[in-house]
Amino acid sequence: MIDNDVMFVRAAEEHVAQMHEIELEVFPTPWSYESLEQDVCGHEIAYYIVGLVNGRVVSYAGFWFVLDEAHITNVAVKTEYRRKGIGRKMMELLLEKAQEMGIITVSLEVRVSNKAARDLYKSLGFSVAGLRKKYYANNDEDALLMSKIMEPMK
C-alpha cells in the first residue's frame, strides 16, 4: 500500500538532481544528468511526475508524446521505497494524463528479466507487442516492447 506521505507532482527543474540520483541508483545504464534535465525542462513532448516524501524525490516516471501516441521513458523508485505501490501509482497517473491528452497508444520497453515490471505492466492492460533483440547495451539483454490501447474518455 502507498504510504500517505507520498505526494505526486509534475516534475520541475528543482527535482532533476534528485531524479538523477535515483537514475544512478536503479539503472545499469543510467541517463546523464543533462538528458534528464533536457526532458524535464526543455522538451515540450515530455511529461514527468515525481513522488515526494517530506520534499525529497523518492520516485519518478515519464513519457514522450507525439500526436496520439505516448512512450513511457522511465519508471524509477528508490530501493527503500519499492514494493509499496509507488510504481503502480505513478503508472496509473501517467495513464490518466495520457487519456486526458487524447493518447490512443502507450508503449514501453522492459527488460525480459524484469518480471516484477512485466507483471505490473500486464496488470495495467499492457500486452507484448514485440521483442527488441540485444536492446540493453550493458549486457545485450533483450527488451519486450509492450503496448496498451487506451479507452476513450467518456
C-alpha atoms as a PDB file:
ATOM      1  CA  MET A   1       0.000   0.000   0.000  1.00  0.00           C
ATOM      2  CA  ILE A   2       1.191   3.506  -0.756  1.00  0.00           C
ATOM      3  CA  ASP A   3       2.230   5.479   2.276  1.00  0.00           C
ATOM      4  CA  ASN A   4       0.036   8.565   2.650  1.00  0.00           C
ATOM      5  CA  ASP A   5       3.234  10.601   2.948  1.00  0.00           C
ATOM      6  CA  VAL A   6       3.950  10.237  -0.806  1.00  0.00           C
ATOM      7  CA  MET A   7       2.791  13.235  -2.838  1.00  0.00           C
ATOM      8  CA  PHE A   8       2.886  13.114  -6.652  1.00  0.00           C
ATOM      9  CA  VAL A   9       3.518  16.304  -8.632  1.00  0.00           C
ATOM     10  CA  ARG A  10       4.695  17.264 -12.088  1.00  0.00           C
ATOM     11  CA  ALA A  11       8.495  17.156 -12.251  1.00  0.00           C
ATOM     12  CA  ALA A  12      10.287  20.508 -12.394  1.00  0.00           C
ATOM     13  CA  GLU A  13      13.847  21.784 -12.618  1.00  0.00           C
ATOM     14  CA  GLU A  14      14.326  21.645  -8.846  1.00  0.00           C
ATOM     15  CA  HIS A  15      13.693  17.863  -8.919  1.00  0.00           C
ATOM     16  CA  VAL A  16      16.220  16.936 -11.602  1.00  0.00           C
ATOM     17  CA  ALA A  17      19.271  16.432  -9.346  1.00  0.00           C
ATOM     18  CA  GLN A  18      17.364  14.029  -7.087  1.00  0.00           C
ATOM     19  CA  MET A  19      15.834  12.280 -10.091  1.00  0.00           C
ATOM     20  CA  HIS A  20      19.345  11.740 -11.411  1.00  0.00           C
ATOM     21  CA  GLU A  21      20.455  10.258  -8.071  1.00  0.00           C
ATOM     22  CA  ILE A  22      17.646   7.702  -8.413  1.00  0.00           C
ATOM     23  CA  GLU A  23      18.611   7.108 -12.049  1.00  0.00           C
ATOM     24  CA  LEU A  24      22.182   6.276 -10.962  1.00  0.00           C
ATOM     25  CA  GLU A  25      20.915   4.022  -8.173  1.00  0.00           C
ATOM     26  CA  VAL A  26      18.428   1.893 -10.095  1.00  0.00           C
ATOM     27  CA  PHE A  27      19.528   1.620 -13.728  1.00  0.00           C
ATOM     28  CA  PRO A  28      22.611  -0.243 -15.004  1.00  0.00           C
ATOM     29  CA  THR A  29      22.910   2.241 -17.892  1.00  0.00           C
ATOM     30  CA  PRO A  30      21.603   5.489 -16.423  1.00  0.00           C
ATOM     31  CA  TRP A  31      20.715   8.571 -18.392  1.00  0.00           C
ATOM     32  CA  SER A  32      23.022  11.532 -17.979  1.00  0.00           C
ATOM     33  CA  TYR A  33      22.008  14.460 -15.797  1.00  0.00           C
ATOM     34  CA  GLU A  34      21.811  16.571 -18.967  1.00  0.00           C
ATOM     35  CA  SER A  35      19.415  14.128 -20.660  1.00  0.00           C
ATOM     36  CA  LEU A  36      17.073  14.140 -17.681  1.00  0.00           C
ATOM     37  CA  GLU A  37      17.269  17.897 -17.357  1.00  0.00           C
ATOM     38  CA  GLN A  38      16.501  18.335 -21.055  1.00  0.00           C
ATOM     39  CA  ASP A  39      13.486  16.048 -20.802  1.00  0.00           C
ATOM     40  CA  VAL A  40      12.063  17.681 -17.685  1.00  0.00           C
ATOM     41  CA  CYS A  41      12.856  21.301 -18.550  1.00  0.00           C
ATOM     42  CA  GLY A  42      13.312  21.536 -22.288  1.00  0.00           C
ATOM     43  CA  HIS A  43      11.109  19.105 -24.183  1.00  0.00           C
ATOM     44  CA  GLU A  44       7.577  20.114 -24.992  1.00  0.00           C
ATOM     45  CA  ILE A  45       6.860  16.490 -25.891  1.00  0.00           C
ATOM     46  CA  ALA A  46       7.867  15.134 -22.450  1.00  0.00           C
ATOM     47  CA  TYR A  47       5.759  14.771 -19.314  1.00  0.00           C
ATOM     48  CA  TYR A  48       7.287  13.633 -15.990  1.00  0.00           C
ATOM     49  CA  ILE A  49       5.988  13.211 -12.460  1.00  0.00           C
ATOM     50  CA  VAL A  50       7.851  12.719  -9.195  1.00  0.00           C
ATOM     51  CA  GLY A  51       6.870  11.106  -5.916  1.00  0.00           C
ATOM     52  CA  LEU A  52       7.890  13.223  -2.929  1.00  0.00           C
ATOM     53  CA  VAL A  53       8.261  12.272   0.728  1.00  0.00           C
ATOM     54  CA  ASN A  54       8.985  15.215   3.018  1.00  0.00           C
ATOM     55  CA  GLY A  55      10.026  17.223  -0.047  1.00  0.00           C
ATOM     56  CA  ARG A  56      12.542  14.603  -1.234  1.00  0.00           C
ATOM     57  CA  VAL A  57      12.158  12.814  -4.572  1.00  0.00           C
ATOM     58  CA  VAL A  58      11.710   9.072  -4.000  1.00  0.00           C
ATOM     59  CA  SER A  59      10.416   8.151  -7.452  1.00  0.00           C
ATOM     60  CA  TYR A  60       9.804   9.467 -10.921  1.00  0.00           C
ATOM     61  CA  ALA A  61       8.260   8.413 -14.199  1.00  0.00           C
ATOM     62  CA  GLY A  62       7.592   9.990 -17.533  1.00  0.00           C
ATOM     63  CA  PHE A  63       6.627   9.686 -21.156  1.00  0.00           C
ATOM     64  CA  TRP A  64       7.209  11.310 -24.502  1.00  0.00           C
ATOM     65  CA  PHE A  65       4.187  12.027 -26.663  1.00  0.00           C
ATOM     66  CA  VAL A  66       3.649  12.770 -30.330  1.00  0.00           C
ATOM     67  CA  LEU A  67       0.128  13.270 -31.686  1.00  0.00           C
ATOM     68  CA  ASP A  68      -1.901  10.378 -30.229  1.00  0.00           C
ATOM     69  CA  GLU A  69       0.976   8.138 -29.123  1.00  0.00           C
ATOM     70  CA  ALA A  70       2.986   8.104 -25.894  1.00  0.00           C
ATOM     71  CA  HIS A  71       6.122   6.198 -24.983  1.00  0.00           C
ATOM     72  CA  ILE A  72       6.975   5.579 -21.318  1.00  0.00           C
ATOM     73  CA  THR A  73      10.646   6.511 -20.929  1.00  0.00           C
ATOM     74  CA  ASN A  74      11.445   5.665 -17.310  1.00  0.00           C
ATOM     75  CA  VAL A  75       9.769   4.426 -14.164  1.00  0.00           C
ATOM     76  CA  ALA A  76      12.127   4.551 -11.186  1.00  0.00           C
ATOM     77  CA  VAL A  77      11.645   4.115  -7.445  1.00  0.00           C
ATOM     78  CA  LYS A  78      14.378   4.433  -4.816  1.00  0.00           C
ATOM     79  CA  THR A  79      15.265   0.987  -3.487  1.00  0.00           C
ATOM     80  CA  GLU A  80      13.973   1.587   0.049  1.00  0.00           C
ATOM     81  CA  TYR A  81      10.565   2.709  -1.301  1.00  0.00           C
ATOM     82  CA  ARG A  82       9.938  -0.289  -3.552  1.00  0.00           C
ATOM     83  CA  ARG A  83       7.090  -2.745  -3.089  1.00  0.00           C
ATOM     84  CA  LYS A  84       4.845  -0.048  -1.616  1.00  0.00           C
ATOM     85  CA  GLY A  85       2.685   0.570  -4.711  1.00  0.00           C
ATOM     86  CA  ILE A  86       4.537   3.724  -5.768  1.00  0.00           C
ATOM     87  CA  GLY A  87       5.492   2.425  -9.225  1.00  0.00           C
ATOM     88  CA  ARG A  88       1.906   1.318  -9.862  1.00  0.00           C
ATOM     89  CA  LYS A  89       0.529   4.680  -8.729  1.00  0.00           C
ATOM     90  CA  MET A  90       2.920   6.585 -10.997  1.00  0.00           C
ATOM     91  CA  MET A  91       1.925   4.399 -13.950  1.00  0.00           C
ATOM     92  CA  GLU A  92      -1.764   4.964 -13.173  1.00  0.00           C
ATOM     93  CA  LEU A  93      -1.162   8.732 -13.044  1.00  0.00           C
ATOM     94  CA  LEU A  94       0.747   8.657 -16.352  1.00  0.00           C
ATOM     95  CA  LEU A  95      -2.028   6.659 -17.998  1.00  0.00           C
ATOM     96  CA  GLU A  96      -4.652   9.095 -16.664  1.00  0.00           C
ATOM     97  CA  LYS A  97      -2.651  12.012 -18.078  1.00  0.00           C
ATOM     98  CA  ALA A  98      -2.254  10.229 -21.422  1.00  0.00           C
ATOM     99  CA  GLN A  99      -6.001   9.650 -21.554  1.00  0.00           C
ATOM    100  CA  GLU A 100      -6.673  13.329 -20.770  1.00  0.00           C
ATOM    101  CA  MET A 101      -4.349  14.253 -23.651  1.00  0.00           C
ATOM    102  CA  GLY A 102      -6.240  12.036 -26.093  1.00  0.00           C
ATOM    103  CA  ILE A 103      -3.413   9.498 -26.382  1.00  0.00           C
ATOM    104  CA  ILE A 104      -4.576   6.305 -28.095  1.00  0.00           C
ATOM    105  CA  THR A 105      -1.496   4.066 -27.778  1.00  0.00           C
ATOM    106  CA  VAL A 106       1.039   3.902 -24.931  1.00  0.00           C
ATOM    107  CA  SER A 107       4.192   1.825 -25.351  1.00  0.00           C
ATOM    108  CA  LEU A 108       7.331   0.976 -23.377  1.00  0.00           C
ATOM    109  CA  GLU A 109      10.320  -1.349 -23.341  1.00  0.00           C
ATOM    110  CA  VAL A 110      11.119  -3.600 -20.395  1.00  0.00           C
ATOM    111  CA  ARG A 111      13.969  -5.999 -19.747  1.00  0.00           C
ATOM    112  CA  VAL A 112      12.977  -9.602 -20.391  1.00  0.00           C
ATOM    113  CA  SER A 113      14.431 -10.450 -16.952  1.00  0.00           C
ATOM    114  CA  ASN A 114      12.374  -7.802 -15.107  1.00  0.00           C
ATOM    115  CA  LYS A 115       9.422  -9.998 -14.144  1.00  0.00           C
ATOM    116  CA  ALA A 116       8.093  -7.588 -11.496  1.00  0.00           C
ATOM    117  CA  ALA A 117       7.834  -4.742 -14.020  1.00  0.00           C
ATOM    118  CA  ARG A 118       6.395  -7.018 -16.718  1.00  0.00           C
ATOM    119  CA  ASP A 119       3.730  -8.218 -14.272  1.00  0.00           C
ATOM    120  CA  LEU A 120       2.904  -4.633 -13.271  1.00  0.00           C
ATOM    121  CA  TYR A 121       2.522  -3.513 -16.879  1.00  0.00           C
ATOM    122  CA  LYS A 122       0.420  -6.558 -17.739  1.00  0.00           C
ATOM    123  CA  SER A 123      -1.874  -5.838 -14.763  1.00  0.00           C
ATOM    124  CA  LEU A 124      -2.356  -2.306 -16.141  1.00  0.00           C
ATOM    125  CA  GLY A 125      -3.518  -3.623 -19.522  1.00  0.00           C
ATOM    126  CA  PHE A 126      -0.246  -3.695 -21.465  1.00  0.00           C
ATOM    127  CA  SER A 127       0.475  -6.633 -23.747  1.00  0.00           C
ATOM    128  CA  VAL A 128       3.604  -7.787 -25.526  1.00  0.00           C
ATOM    129  CA  ALA A 129       3.842  -6.208 -28.979  1.00  0.00           C
ATOM    130  CA  GLY A 130       7.336  -7.314 -29.955  1.00  0.00           C
ATOM    131  CA  LEU A 131      10.905  -8.123 -28.988  1.00  0.00           C
ATOM    132  CA  ARG A 132      13.914  -5.829 -29.323  1.00  0.00           C
ATOM    133  CA  LYS A 133      16.979  -8.090 -29.572  1.00  0.00           C
ATOM    134  CA  LYS A 134      20.064  -7.011 -27.590  1.00  0.00           C
ATOM    135  CA  TYR A 135      18.341  -3.732 -26.688  1.00  0.00           C
ATOM    136  CA  TYR A 136      20.249  -3.043 -23.464  1.00  0.00           C
ATOM    137  CA  ALA A 137      23.857  -2.049 -24.100  1.00  0.00           C
ATOM    138  CA  ASN A 138      25.243  -3.032 -20.693  1.00  0.00           C
ATOM    139  CA  ASN A 139      24.591  -6.773 -21.219  1.00  0.00           C
ATOM    140  CA  ASP A 140      22.883  -7.174 -24.621  1.00  0.00           C
ATOM    141  CA  GLU A 141      19.683  -8.244 -22.892  1.00  0.00           C
ATOM    142  CA  ASP A 142      16.545  -8.309 -24.993  1.00  0.00           C
ATOM    143  CA  ALA A 143      13.641  -5.961 -24.294  1.00  0.00           C
ATOM    144  CA  LEU A 144       9.976  -6.704 -24.628  1.00  0.00           C
ATOM    145  CA  LEU A 145       8.039  -3.983 -26.379  1.00  0.00           C
ATOM    146  CA  MET A 146       4.716  -3.665 -24.577  1.00  0.00           C
ATOM    147  CA  SER A 147       1.774  -1.508 -25.570  1.00  0.00           C
ATOM    148  CA  LYS A 148      -1.679  -0.537 -24.408  1.00  0.00           C
ATOM    149  CA  ILE A 149      -4.615   0.817 -26.366  1.00  0.00           C
ATOM    150  CA  MET A 150      -6.290   3.483 -24.259  1.00  0.00           C
ATOM    151  CA  GLU A 151     -10.021   3.670 -23.678  1.00  0.00           C
ATOM    152  CA  PRO A 152     -11.519   6.942 -24.942  1.00  0.00           C
ATOM    153  CA  MET A 153     -12.564   9.410 -22.240  1.00  0.00           C
ATOM    154  CA  LYS A 154     -16.280   9.438 -21.618  1.00  0.00           C
END
